[in-house]
């Protein structure tokens, strides 16, 4: 991060024009936080997580398009598959609990 901050300051001091300050923003501590979707698979409210700005510098749309085959498309596909697997596990768990409740009632 320090190397990036030094390089950013040097570019800004050169005053090259354009929107360099907007394009290369200062990295904040919240930008470096690890996504809880990766570390806590069963966390509630995963749909609100956002990626840091530097993951989408070359344009989120170009990396999400099917023709480009960008890494963002793969990222979202993997997260969707993980969510689907979680849903399937919970469906199975509900089915097992219902059967266990029935078996317990029949036992007594």
PDB file of N, CA and C in Angstrom:
ATOM      1  N   UNK A   1       0.831  -1.183   0.000  1.00  0.00           N
ATOM      2  CA  UNK A   1       0.000   0.000   0.000  1.00  0.00           C
ATOM      3  C   UNK A   1       0.880   1.254   0.000  1.00  0.00           C
ATOM      4  N   UNK A   2       1.974   1.193   0.763  1.00  0.00           N
ATOM      5  CA  UNK A   2       2.859   2.362   0.792  1.00  0.00           C
ATOM      6  C   UNK A   2       3.441   2.653  -0.586  1.00  0.00           C
ATOM      7  N   UNK A   3       3.818   1.611  -1.301  1.00  0.00           N
ATOM      8  CA  UNK A   3       4.362   1.803  -2.656  1.00  0.00           C
ATOM      9  C   UNK A   3       3.325   2.443  -3.567  1.00  0.00           C
ATOM     10  N   UNK A   4       2.094   1.975  -3.467  1.00  0.00           N
ATOM     11  CA  UNK A   4       1.022   2.563  -4.279  1.00  0.00           C
ATOM     12  C   UNK A   4       0.822   4.029  -3.917  1.00  0.00           C
ATOM     13  N   UNK A   5       0.801   4.333  -2.611  1.00  0.00           N
ATOM     14  CA  UNK A   5       0.568   5.713  -2.176  1.00  0.00           C
ATOM     15  C   UNK A   5       1.698   6.634  -2.668  1.00  0.00           C
ATOM     16  N   UNK A   6       2.951   6.141  -2.613  1.00  0.00           N
ATOM     17  CA  UNK A   6       4.074   6.947  -3.102  1.00  0.00           C
ATOM     18  C   UNK A   6       3.970   7.176  -4.608  1.00  0.00           C
ATOM     19  N   UNK A   7       3.647   6.140  -5.356  1.00  0.00           N
ATOM     20  CA  UNK A   7       3.504   6.276  -6.810  1.00  0.00           C
ATOM     21  C   UNK A   7       2.350   7.217  -7.149  1.00  0.00           C
ATOM     22  N   UNK A   8       1.272   7.135  -6.400  1.00  0.00           N
ATOM     23  CA  UNK A   8       0.121   8.020  -6.626  1.00  0.00           C
ATOM     24  C   UNK A   8       0.501   9.482  -6.381  1.00  0.00           C
ATOM     25  N   UNK A   9       1.220   9.726  -5.305  1.00  0.00           N
ATOM     26  CA  UNK A   9       1.657  11.094  -5.003  1.00  0.00           C
ATOM     27  C   UNK A   9       2.569  11.628  -6.104  1.00  0.00           C
ATOM     28  N   UNK A  10       3.465  10.784  -6.618  1.00  0.00           N
ATOM     29  CA  UNK A  10       4.371  11.208  -7.687  1.00  0.00           C
ATOM     30  C   UNK A  10       3.591  11.565  -8.951  1.00  0.00           C
ATOM     31  N   UNK A  11       2.613  10.758  -9.301  1.00  0.00           N
ATOM     32  CA  UNK A  11       1.787  11.063 -10.481  1.00  0.00           C
ATOM     33  C   UNK A  11       1.027  12.359 -10.300  1.00  0.00           C
ATOM     34  N   UNK A  12       0.485  12.567  -9.107  1.00  0.00           N
ATOM     35  CA  UNK A  12      -0.271  13.795  -8.849  1.00  0.00           C
ATOM     36  C   UNK A  12       0.638  15.023  -8.862  1.00  0.00           C
ATOM     37  N   UNK A  13       1.871  14.867  -8.384  1.00  0.00           N
ATOM     38  CA  UNK A  13       2.807  15.987  -8.385  1.00  0.00           C
ATOM     39  C   UNK A  13       3.270  16.338  -9.789  1.00  0.00           C
ATOM     40  N   UNK A  14       3.291  15.366 -10.676  1.00  0.00           N
ATOM     41  CA  UNK A  14       3.656  15.647 -12.071  1.00  0.00           C
ATOM     42  C   UNK A  14       2.594  16.489 -12.768  1.00  0.00           C
ATOM     43  N   UNK A  15       1.376  16.457 -12.225  1.00  0.00           N
ATOM     44  CA  UNK A  15       0.267  17.238 -12.764  1.00  0.00           C
ATOM     45  C   UNK A  15       0.091  16.950 -14.260  1.00  0.00           C
ATOM     46  N   UNK A  16      -0.101  15.687 -14.565  1.00  0.00           N
ATOM     47  CA  UNK A  16      -0.222  15.256 -15.952  1.00  0.00           C
ATOM     48  C   UNK A  16      -1.549  15.640 -16.581  1.00  0.00           C
ATOM     49  N   UNK A  17      -2.435  16.182 -15.818  1.00  0.00           N
ATOM     50  CA  UNK A  17      -3.755  16.537 -16.346  1.00  0.00           C
ATOM     51  C   UNK A  17      -4.661  15.324 -16.327  1.00  0.00           C
ATOM     52  N   UNK A  18      -5.806  15.471 -16.923  1.00  0.00           N
ATOM     53  CA  UNK A  18      -6.753  14.355 -16.926  1.00  0.00           C
ATOM     54  C   UNK A  18      -7.366  14.164 -15.550  1.00  0.00           C
ATOM     55  N   UNK A  19      -7.880  13.015 -15.337  1.00  0.00           N
ATOM     56  CA  UNK A  19      -8.545  12.738 -14.063  1.00  0.00           C
ATOM     57  C   UNK A  19      -7.764  11.702 -13.250  1.00  0.00           C
ATOM     58  N   UNK A  20      -6.470  11.894 -13.152  1.00  0.00           N
ATOM     59  CA  UNK A  20      -5.625  10.929 -12.431  1.00  0.00           C
ATOM     60  C   UNK A  20      -6.025  10.812 -10.959  1.00  0.00           C
ATOM     61  N   UNK A  21      -6.396  11.919 -10.330  1.00  0.00           N
ATOM     62  CA  UNK A  21      -6.773  11.875  -8.912  1.00  0.00           C
ATOM     63  C   UNK A  21      -8.054  11.074  -8.724  1.00  0.00           C
ATOM     64  N   UNK A  22      -8.958  11.158  -9.701  1.00  0.00           N
ATOM     65  CA  UNK A  22     -10.201  10.386  -9.611  1.00  0.00           C
ATOM     66  C   UNK A  22      -9.959   8.917  -9.945  1.00  0.00           C
ATOM     67  N   UNK A  23      -9.138   8.680 -10.964  1.00  0.00           N
ATOM     68  CA  UNK A  23      -8.892   7.303 -11.400  1.00  0.00           C
ATOM     69  C   UNK A  23      -8.096   6.528 -10.350  1.00  0.00           C
ATOM     70  N   UNK A  24      -7.029   7.124  -9.828  1.00  0.00           N
ATOM     71  CA  UNK A  24      -6.195   6.470  -8.819  1.00  0.00           C
ATOM     72  C   UNK A  24      -6.484   7.103  -7.470  1.00  0.00           C
ATOM     73  N   UNK A  25      -7.515   6.605  -6.821  1.00  0.00           N
ATOM     74  CA  UNK A  25      -7.937   7.150  -5.535  1.00  0.00           C
ATOM     75  C   UNK A  25      -6.991   6.699  -4.430  1.00  0.00           C
ATOM     76  N   UNK A  26      -7.096   7.354  -3.311  1.00  0.00           N
ATOM     77  CA  UNK A  26      -6.312   6.946  -2.159  1.00  0.00           C
ATOM     78  C   UNK A  26      -6.935   5.681  -1.576  1.00  0.00           C
ATOM     79  N   UNK A  27      -6.107   4.719  -1.230  1.00  0.00           N
ATOM     80  CA  UNK A  27      -6.614   3.471  -0.670  1.00  0.00           C
ATOM     81  C   UNK A  27      -6.900   3.677   0.816  1.00  0.00           C
ATOM     82  N   UNK A  28      -8.134   3.410   1.191  1.00  0.00           N
ATOM     83  CA  UNK A  28      -8.583   3.553   2.569  1.00  0.00           C
ATOM     84  C   UNK A  28      -8.539   2.185   3.266  1.00  0.00           C
ATOM     85  N   UNK A  29      -8.471   2.163   4.595  1.00  0.00           N
ATOM     86  CA  UNK A  29      -8.448   0.867   5.309  1.00  0.00           C
ATOM     87  C   UNK A  29      -9.652  -0.020   4.991  1.00  0.00           C
ATOM     88  N   UNK A  30     -10.833   0.574   4.789  1.00  0.00           N
ATOM     89  CA  UNK A  30     -12.010  -0.244   4.485  1.00  0.00           C
ATOM     90  C   UNK A  30     -11.920  -0.905   3.104  1.00  0.00           C
ATOM     91  N   UNK A  31     -11.074  -0.340   2.221  1.00  0.00           N
ATOM     92  CA  UNK A  31     -10.864  -0.962   0.910  1.00  0.00           C
ATOM     93  C   UNK A  31     -10.068  -2.260   1.018  1.00  0.00           C
ATOM     94  N   UNK A  32      -9.299  -2.392   2.082  1.00  0.00           N
ATOM     95  CA  UNK A  32      -8.431  -3.557   2.255  1.00  0.00           C
ATOM     96  C   UNK A  32      -9.048  -4.643   3.119  1.00  0.00           C
ATOM     97  N   UNK A  33     -10.284  -4.433   3.572  1.00  0.00           N
ATOM     98  CA  UNK A  33     -10.940  -5.428   4.420  1.00  0.00           C
ATOM     99  C   UNK A  33     -11.223  -6.691   3.612  1.00  0.00           C
ATOM    100  N   UNK A  34     -11.038  -7.816   4.241  1.00  0.00           N
ATOM    101  CA  UNK A  34     -11.292  -9.103   3.589  1.00  0.00           C
ATOM    102  C   UNK A  34     -12.790  -9.328   3.541  1.00  0.00           C
ATOM    103  N   UNK A  35     -13.277  -9.747   2.387  1.00  0.00           N
ATOM    104  CA  UNK A  35     -14.699 -10.005   2.223  1.00  0.00           C
ATOM    105  C   UNK A  35     -15.139 -11.132   3.137  1.00  0.00           C
ATOM    106  N   UNK A  36     -16.194 -10.903   3.879  1.00  0.00           N
ATOM    107  CA  UNK A  36     -16.707 -11.925   4.788  1.00  0.00           C
ATOM    108  C   UNK A  36     -17.326 -13.078   4.027  1.00  0.00           C
ATOM    109  N   UNK A  37     -17.668 -12.880   2.753  1.00  0.00           N
ATOM    110  CA  UNK A  37     -18.219 -13.970   1.950  1.00  0.00           C
ATOM    111  C   UNK A  37     -17.197 -15.082   1.770  1.00  0.00           C
ATOM    112  N   UNK A  38     -15.932 -14.723   1.789  1.00  0.00           N
ATOM    113  CA  UNK A  38     -14.884 -15.715   1.612  1.00  0.00           C
ATOM    114  C   UNK A  38     -14.576 -16.412   2.925  1.00  0.00           C
ATOM    115  N   UNK A  39     -14.528 -15.654   4.016  1.00  0.00           N
ATOM    116  CA  UNK A  39     -14.112 -16.223   5.292  1.00  0.00           C
ATOM    117  C   UNK A  39     -15.257 -16.816   6.094  1.00  0.00           C
ATOM    118  N   UNK A  40     -16.464 -16.276   5.957  1.00  0.00           N
ATOM    119  CA  UNK A  40     -17.624 -16.765   6.713  1.00  0.00           C
ATOM    120  C   UNK A  40     -18.719 -17.142   5.728  1.00  0.00           C
ATOM    121  N   UNK A  41     -18.727 -18.397   5.351  1.00  0.00           N
ATOM    122  CA  UNK A  41     -19.607 -18.852   4.286  1.00  0.00           C
ATOM    123  C   UNK A  41     -21.087 -18.721   4.623  1.00  0.00           C
ATOM    124  N   UNK A  42     -21.471 -18.930   5.861  1.00  0.00           N
ATOM    125  CA  UNK A  42     -22.889 -18.916   6.241  1.00  0.00           C
ATOM    126  C   UNK A  42     -23.323 -17.605   6.875  1.00  0.00           C
ATOM    127  N   UNK A  43     -22.617 -16.547   6.603  1.00  0.00           N
ATOM    128  CA  UNK A  43     -22.931 -15.232   7.173  1.00  0.00           C
ATOM    129  C   UNK A  43     -24.248 -14.713   6.606  1.00  0.00           C
ATOM    130  N   UNK A  44     -25.049 -14.051   7.453  1.00  0.00           N
ATOM    131  CA  UNK A  44     -26.328 -13.463   7.037  1.00  0.00           C
ATOM    132  C   UNK A  44     -26.081 -12.151   6.304  1.00  0.00           C
ATOM    133  N   UNK A  45     -26.840 -11.862   5.289  1.00  0.00           N
ATOM    134  CA  UNK A  45     -26.771 -10.584   4.588  1.00  0.00           C
ATOM    135  C   UNK A  45     -25.615 -10.458   3.632  1.00  0.00           C
ATOM    136  N   UNK A  46     -25.289 -11.499   2.908  1.00  0.00           N
ATOM    137  CA  UNK A  46     -24.137 -11.460   2.018  1.00  0.00           C
ATOM    138  C   UNK A  46     -24.377 -10.612   0.785  1.00  0.00           C
ATOM    139  N   UNK A  47     -25.600 -10.370   0.435  1.00  0.00           N
ATOM    140  CA  UNK A  47     -25.892  -9.627  -0.788  1.00  0.00           C
ATOM    141  C   UNK A  47     -25.498  -8.165  -0.736  1.00  0.00           C
ATOM    142  N   UNK A  48     -25.173  -7.654   0.438  1.00  0.00           N
ATOM    143  CA  UNK A  48     -24.836  -6.239   0.557  1.00  0.00           C
ATOM    144  C   UNK A  48     -23.350  -5.969   0.419  1.00  0.00           C
ATOM    145  N   UNK A  49     -22.538  -7.004   0.299  1.00  0.00           N
ATOM    146  CA  UNK A  49     -21.096  -6.814   0.194  1.00  0.00           C
ATOM    147  C   UNK A  49     -20.731  -6.174  -1.144  1.00  0.00           C
ATOM    148  N   UNK A  50     -19.793  -5.251  -1.122  1.00  0.00           N
ATOM    149  CA  UNK A  50     -19.330  -4.571  -2.332  1.00  0.00           C
ATOM    150  C   UNK A  50     -17.829  -4.774  -2.466  1.00  0.00           C
ATOM    151  N   UNK A  51     -17.381  -4.805  -3.713  1.00  0.00           N
ATOM    152  CA  UNK A  51     -15.950  -4.908  -3.959  1.00  0.00           C
ATOM    153  C   UNK A  51     -15.320  -3.522  -3.880  1.00  0.00           C
ATOM    154  N   UNK A  52     -14.059  -3.484  -3.523  1.00  0.00           N
ATOM    155  CA  UNK A  52     -13.329  -2.219  -3.466  1.00  0.00           C
ATOM    156  C   UNK A  52     -13.170  -1.635  -4.874  1.00  0.00           C
ATOM    157  N   UNK A  53     -12.988  -0.327  -4.976  1.00  0.00           N
ATOM    158  CA  UNK A  53     -12.947   0.356  -6.268  1.00  0.00           C
ATOM    159  C   UNK A  53     -11.824  -0.146  -7.162  1.00  0.00           C
ATOM    160  N   UNK A  54     -10.688  -0.555  -6.588  1.00  0.00           N
ATOM    161  CA  UNK A  54      -9.549  -0.925  -7.431  1.00  0.00           C
ATOM    162  C   UNK A  54      -9.743  -2.268  -8.134  1.00  0.00           C
ATOM    163  N   UNK A  55     -10.716  -3.075  -7.709  1.00  0.00           N
ATOM    164  CA  UNK A  55     -11.004  -4.313  -8.430  1.00  0.00           C
ATOM    165  C   UNK A  55     -11.754  -4.050  -9.718  1.00  0.00           C
ATOM    166  N   UNK A  56     -12.295  -2.855  -9.865  1.00  0.00           N
ATOM    167  CA  UNK A  56     -13.096  -2.533 -11.045  1.00  0.00           C
ATOM    168  C   UNK A  56     -12.524  -1.346 -11.815  1.00  0.00           C
ATOM    169  N   UNK A  57     -11.233  -1.123 -11.738  1.00  0.00           N
ATOM    170  CA  UNK A  57     -10.637   0.054 -12.382  1.00  0.00           C
ATOM    171  C   UNK A  57     -10.808   0.071 -13.892  1.00  0.00           C
ATOM    172  N   UNK A  58     -10.742  -1.061 -14.549  1.00  0.00           N
ATOM    173  CA  UNK A  58     -10.855  -1.088 -16.003  1.00  0.00           C
ATOM    174  C   UNK A  58     -12.293  -1.173 -16.469  1.00  0.00           C
ATOM    175  N   UNK A  59     -13.208  -0.946 -15.591  1.00  0.00           N
ATOM    176  CA  UNK A  59     -14.620  -0.951 -15.938  1.00  0.00           C
ATOM    177  C   UNK A  59     -15.281  -2.264 -15.595  1.00  0.00           C
ATOM    178  N   UNK A  60     -16.191  -2.189 -14.660  1.00  0.00           N
ATOM    179  CA  UNK A  60     -16.879  -3.393 -14.200  1.00  0.00           C
ATOM    180  C   UNK A  60     -17.658  -4.031 -15.340  1.00  0.00           C
ATOM    181  N   UNK A  61     -18.299  -3.243 -16.177  1.00  0.00           N
ATOM    182  CA  UNK A  61     -19.133  -3.800 -17.238  1.00  0.00           C
ATOM    183  C   UNK A  61     -18.313  -4.593 -18.243  1.00  0.00           C
ATOM    184  N   UNK A  62     -17.131  -4.088 -18.589  1.00  0.00           N
ATOM    185  CA  UNK A  62     -16.319  -4.811 -19.570  1.00  0.00           C
ATOM    186  C   UNK A  62     -15.840  -6.142 -19.010  1.00  0.00           C
ATOM    187  N   UNK A  63     -15.621  -6.211 -17.709  1.00  0.00           N
ATOM    188  CA  UNK A  63     -15.137  -7.448 -17.113  1.00  0.00           C
ATOM    189  C   UNK A  63     -16.270  -8.409 -16.797  1.00  0.00           C
ATOM    190  N   UNK A  64     -17.505  -7.899 -16.736  1.00  0.00           N
ATOM    191  CA  UNK A  64     -18.642  -8.762 -16.449  1.00  0.00           C
ATOM    192  C   UNK A  64     -19.284  -9.317 -17.708  1.00  0.00           C
ATOM    193  N   UNK A  65     -19.009  -8.719 -18.846  1.00  0.00           N
ATOM    194  CA  UNK A  65     -19.673  -9.146 -20.073  1.00  0.00           C
ATOM    195  C   UNK A  65     -19.257 -10.569 -20.429  1.00  0.00           C
ATOM    196  N   UNK A  66     -20.194 -11.289 -21.030  1.00  0.00           N
ATOM    197  CA  UNK A  66     -19.932 -12.689 -21.360  1.00  0.00           C
ATOM    198  C   UNK A  66     -18.818 -12.852 -22.369  1.00  0.00           C
ATOM    199  N   UNK A  67     -18.711 -11.927 -23.340  1.00  0.00           N
ATOM    200  CA  UNK A  67     -17.685 -12.058 -24.370  1.00  0.00           C
ATOM    201  C   UNK A  67     -16.282 -11.842 -23.835  1.00  0.00           C
ATOM    202  N   UNK A  68     -16.148 -10.980 -22.847  1.00  0.00           N
ATOM    203  CA  UNK A  68     -14.822 -10.671 -22.317  1.00  0.00           C
ATOM    204  C   UNK A  68     -14.284 -11.825 -21.466  1.00  0.00           C
ATOM    205  N   UNK A  69     -15.205 -12.523 -20.774  1.00  0.00           N
ATOM    206  CA  UNK A  69     -14.765 -13.622 -19.912  1.00  0.00           C
ATOM    207  C   UNK A  69     -13.880 -13.129 -18.791  1.00  0.00           C
ATOM    208  N   UNK A  70     -14.179 -11.953 -18.252  1.00  0.00           N
ATOM    209  CA  UNK A  70     -13.356 -11.349 -17.214  1.00  0.00           C
ATOM    210  C   UNK A  70     -13.423 -12.092 -15.900  1.00  0.00           C
ATOM    211  N   UNK A  71     -12.519 -11.715 -15.012  1.00  0.00           N
ATOM    212  CA  UNK A  71     -12.459 -12.398 -13.720  1.00  0.00           C
ATOM    213  C   UNK A  71     -13.675 -12.083 -12.869  1.00  0.00           C
ATOM    214  N   UNK A  72     -14.330 -10.948 -13.095  1.00  0.00           N
ATOM    215  CA  UNK A  72     -15.519 -10.609 -12.310  1.00  0.00           C
ATOM    216  C   UNK A  72     -16.658 -11.586 -12.613  1.00  0.00           C
ATOM    217  N   UNK A  73     -16.781 -11.972 -13.866  1.00  0.00           N
ATOM    218  CA  UNK A  73     -17.823 -12.941 -14.234  1.00  0.00           C
ATOM    219  C   UNK A  73     -17.596 -14.252 -13.492  1.00  0.00           C
ATOM    220  N   UNK A  74     -16.366 -14.695 -13.466  1.00  0.00           N
ATOM    221  CA  UNK A  74     -16.041 -15.934 -12.754  1.00  0.00           C
ATOM    222  C   UNK A  74     -16.278 -15.793 -11.256  1.00  0.00           C
ATOM    223  N   UNK A  75     -15.928 -14.632 -10.697  1.00  0.00           N
ATOM    224  CA  UNK A  75     -16.129 -14.358  -9.267  1.00  0.00           C
ATOM    225  C   UNK A  75     -17.602 -14.491  -8.903  1.00  0.00           C
ATOM    226  N   UNK A  76     -18.476 -13.856  -9.680  1.00  0.00           N
ATOM    227  CA  UNK A  76     -19.908 -13.909  -9.391  1.00  0.00           C
ATOM    228  C   UNK A  76     -20.480 -15.299  -9.648  1.00  0.00           C
ATOM    229  N   UNK A  77     -19.988 -16.000 -10.642  1.00  0.00           N
ATOM    230  CA  UNK A  77     -20.458 -17.360 -10.912  1.00  0.00           C
ATOM    231  C   UNK A  77     -20.110 -18.271  -9.741  1.00  0.00           C
ATOM    232  N   UNK A  78     -18.897 -18.165  -9.222  1.00  0.00           N
ATOM    233  CA  UNK A  78     -18.488 -19.006  -8.088  1.00  0.00           C
ATOM    234  C   UNK A  78     -19.323 -18.685  -6.861  1.00  0.00           C
ATOM    235  N   UNK A  79     -19.556 -17.400  -6.597  1.00  0.00           N
ATOM    236  CA  UNK A  79     -20.376 -17.034  -5.444  1.00  0.00           C
ATOM    237  C   UNK A  79     -21.811 -17.532  -5.595  1.00  0.00           C
ATOM    238  N   UNK A  80     -22.342 -17.500  -6.824  1.00  0.00           N
ATOM    239  CA  UNK A  80     -23.688 -18.000  -7.051  1.00  0.00           C
ATOM    240  C   UNK A  80     -23.743 -19.502  -6.791  1.00  0.00           C
ATOM    241  N   UNK A  81     -22.735 -20.239  -7.260  1.00  0.00           N
ATOM    242  CA  UNK A  81     -22.699 -21.681  -7.043  1.00  0.00           C
ATOM    243  C   UNK A  81     -22.579 -22.024  -5.557  1.00  0.00           C
ATOM    244  N   UNK A  82     -21.787 -21.237  -4.830  1.00  0.00           N
ATOM    245  CA  UNK A  82     -21.660 -21.467  -3.392  1.00  0.00           C
ATOM    246  C   UNK A  82     -22.988 -21.209  -2.680  1.00  0.00           C
ATOM    247  N   UNK A  83     -23.698 -20.162  -3.095  1.00  0.00           N
ATOM    248  CA  UNK A  83     -24.997 -19.854  -2.493  1.00  0.00           C
ATOM    249  C   UNK A  83     -26.007 -20.957  -2.810  1.00  0.00           C
ATOM    250  N   UNK A  84     -25.971 -21.461  -4.024  1.00  0.00           N
ATOM    251  CA  UNK A  84     -26.873 -22.551  -4.410  1.00  0.00           C
ATOM    252  C   UNK A  84     -26.584 -23.811  -3.591  1.00  0.00           C
ATOM    253  N   UNK A  85     -25.310 -24.117  -3.377  1.00  0.00           N
ATOM    254  CA  UNK A  85     -24.952 -25.283  -2.570  1.00  0.00           C
ATOM    255  C   UNK A  85     -25.426 -25.116  -1.130  1.00  0.00           C
ATOM    256  N   UNK A  86     -25.304 -23.898  -0.574  1.00  0.00           N
ATOM    257  CA  UNK A  86     -25.803 -23.629   0.783  1.00  0.00           C
ATOM    258  C   UNK A  86     -27.304 -23.847   0.850  1.00  0.00           C
ATOM    259  N   UNK A  87     -28.021 -23.345  -0.168  1.00  0.00           N
ATOM    260  CA  UNK A  87     -29.475 -23.515  -0.208  1.00  0.00           C
ATOM    261  C   UNK A  87     -29.836 -24.990  -0.255  1.00  0.00           C
ATOM    262  N   UNK A  88     -29.146 -25.761  -1.063  1.00  0.00           N
ATOM    263  CA  UNK A  88     -29.429 -27.191  -1.172  1.00  0.00           C
ATOM    264  C   UNK A  88     -29.164 -27.918   0.140  1.00  0.00           C
ATOM    265  N   UNK A  89     -28.083 -27.524   0.829  1.00  0.00           N
ATOM    266  CA  UNK A  89     -27.779 -28.146   2.126  1.00  0.00           C
ATOM    267  C   UNK A  89     -28.885 -27.842   3.136  1.00  0.00           C
ATOM    268  N   UNK A  90     -29.392 -26.591   3.124  1.00  0.00           N
ATOM    269  CA  UNK A  90     -30.451 -26.231   4.060  1.00  0.00           C
ATOM    270  C   UNK A  90     -31.750 -26.947   3.732  1.00  0.00           C
ATOM    271  N   UNK A  91     -32.052 -27.136   2.449  1.00  0.00           N
ATOM    272  CA  UNK A  91     -33.241 -27.908   2.067  1.00  0.00           C
ATOM    273  C   UNK A  91     -33.141 -29.333   2.597  1.00  0.00           C
ATOM    274  N   UNK A  92     -31.968 -29.920   2.441  1.00  0.00           N
ATOM    275  CA  UNK A  92     -31.757 -31.272   2.937  1.00  0.00           C
ATOM    276  C   UNK A  92     -31.887 -31.321   4.457  1.00  0.00           C
ATOM    277  N   UNK A  93     -31.348 -30.323   5.131  1.00  0.00           N
ATOM    278  CA  UNK A  93     -31.423 -30.277   6.598  1.00  0.00           C
ATOM    279  C   UNK A  93     -32.871 -30.179   7.064  1.00  0.00           C
ATOM    280  N   UNK A  94     -33.677 -29.350   6.397  1.00  0.00           N
ATOM    281  CA  UNK A  94     -35.089 -29.210   6.753  1.00  0.00           C
ATOM    282  C   UNK A  94     -35.803 -30.544   6.569  1.00  0.00           C
ATOM    283  N   UNK A  95     -35.515 -31.222   5.476  1.00  0.00           N
ATOM    284  CA  UNK A  95     -36.130 -32.527   5.221  1.00  0.00           C
ATOM    285  C   UNK A  95     -35.752 -33.532   6.312  1.00  0.00           C
ATOM    286  N   UNK A  96     -34.487 -33.563   6.686  1.00  0.00           N
ATOM    287  CA  UNK A  96     -34.045 -34.486   7.735  1.00  0.00           C
ATOM    288  C   UNK A  96     -34.693 -34.181   9.079  1.00  0.00           C
ATOM    289  N   UNK A  97     -34.798 -32.909   9.429  1.00  0.00           N
ATOM    290  CA  UNK A  97     -35.398 -32.534  10.709  1.00  0.00           C
ATOM    291  C   UNK A  97     -36.876 -32.929  10.727  1.00  0.00           C
ATOM    292  N   UNK A  98     -37.575 -32.728   9.621  1.00  0.00           N
ATOM    293  CA  UNK A  98     -38.989 -33.125   9.565  1.00  0.00           C
ATOM    294  C   UNK A  98     -39.134 -34.636   9.752  1.00  0.00           C
ATOM    295  N   UNK A  99     -38.275 -35.408   9.100  1.00  0.00           N
ATOM    296  CA  UNK A  99     -38.339 -36.859   9.261  1.00  0.00           C
ATOM    297  C   UNK A  99     -37.971 -37.282  10.684  1.00  0.00           C
ATOM    298  N   UNK A 100     -37.001 -36.629  11.274  1.00  0.00           N
ATOM    299  CA  UNK A 100     -36.622 -36.948  12.654  1.00  0.00           C
ATOM    300  C   UNK A 100     -37.766 -36.649  13.608  1.00  0.00           C
ATOM    301  N   UNK A 101     -38.485 -35.552  13.354  1.00  0.00           N
ATOM    302  CA  UNK A 101     -39.639 -35.226  14.209  1.00  0.00           C
ATOM    303  C   UNK A 101     -40.722 -36.307  14.069  1.00  0.00           C
ATOM    304  N   UNK A 102     -40.956 -36.758  12.845  1.00  0.00           N
ATOM    305  CA  UNK A 102     -41.945 -37.809  12.620  1.00  0.00           C
ATOM    306  C   UNK A 102     -41.515 -39.110  13.292  1.00  0.00           C
ATOM    307  N   UNK A 103     -40.257 -39.497  13.131  1.00  0.00           N
ATOM    308  CA  UNK A 103     -39.762 -40.735  13.736  1.00  0.00           C
ATOM    309  C   UNK A 103     -39.845 -40.691  15.264  1.00  0.00           C
ATOM    310  N   UNK A 104     -39.539 -39.520  15.816  1.00  0.00           N
ATOM    311  CA  UNK A 104     -39.599 -39.389  17.286  1.00  0.00           C
ATOM    312  C   UNK A 104     -41.029 -39.552  17.756  1.00  0.00           C
ATOM    313  N   UNK A 105     -41.969 -38.949  17.051  1.00  0.00           N
ATOM    314  CA  UNK A 105     -43.387 -39.100  17.435  1.00  0.00           C
ATOM    315  C   UNK A 105     -43.869 -40.512  17.284  1.00  0.00           C
ATOM    316  N   UNK A 106     -43.437 -41.233  16.280  1.00  0.00           N
ATOM    317  CA  UNK A 106     -43.847 -42.616  16.081  1.00  0.00           C
ATOM    318  C   UNK A 106     -43.206 -43.563  17.106  1.00  0.00           C
ATOM    319  N   UNK A 107     -42.040 -43.198  17.602  1.00  0.00           N
ATOM    320  CA  UNK A 107     -41.320 -44.028  18.550  1.00  0.00           C
ATOM    321  C   UNK A 107     -42.062 -44.126  19.882  1.00  0.00           C
ATOM    322  N   UNK A 108     -42.657 -43.008  20.317  1.00  0.00           N
ATOM    323  CA  UNK A 108     -43.318 -42.980  21.636  1.00  0.00           C
ATOM    324  C   UNK A 108     -44.748 -43.290  21.528  1.00  0.00           C
TER     325      UNK A 108
END
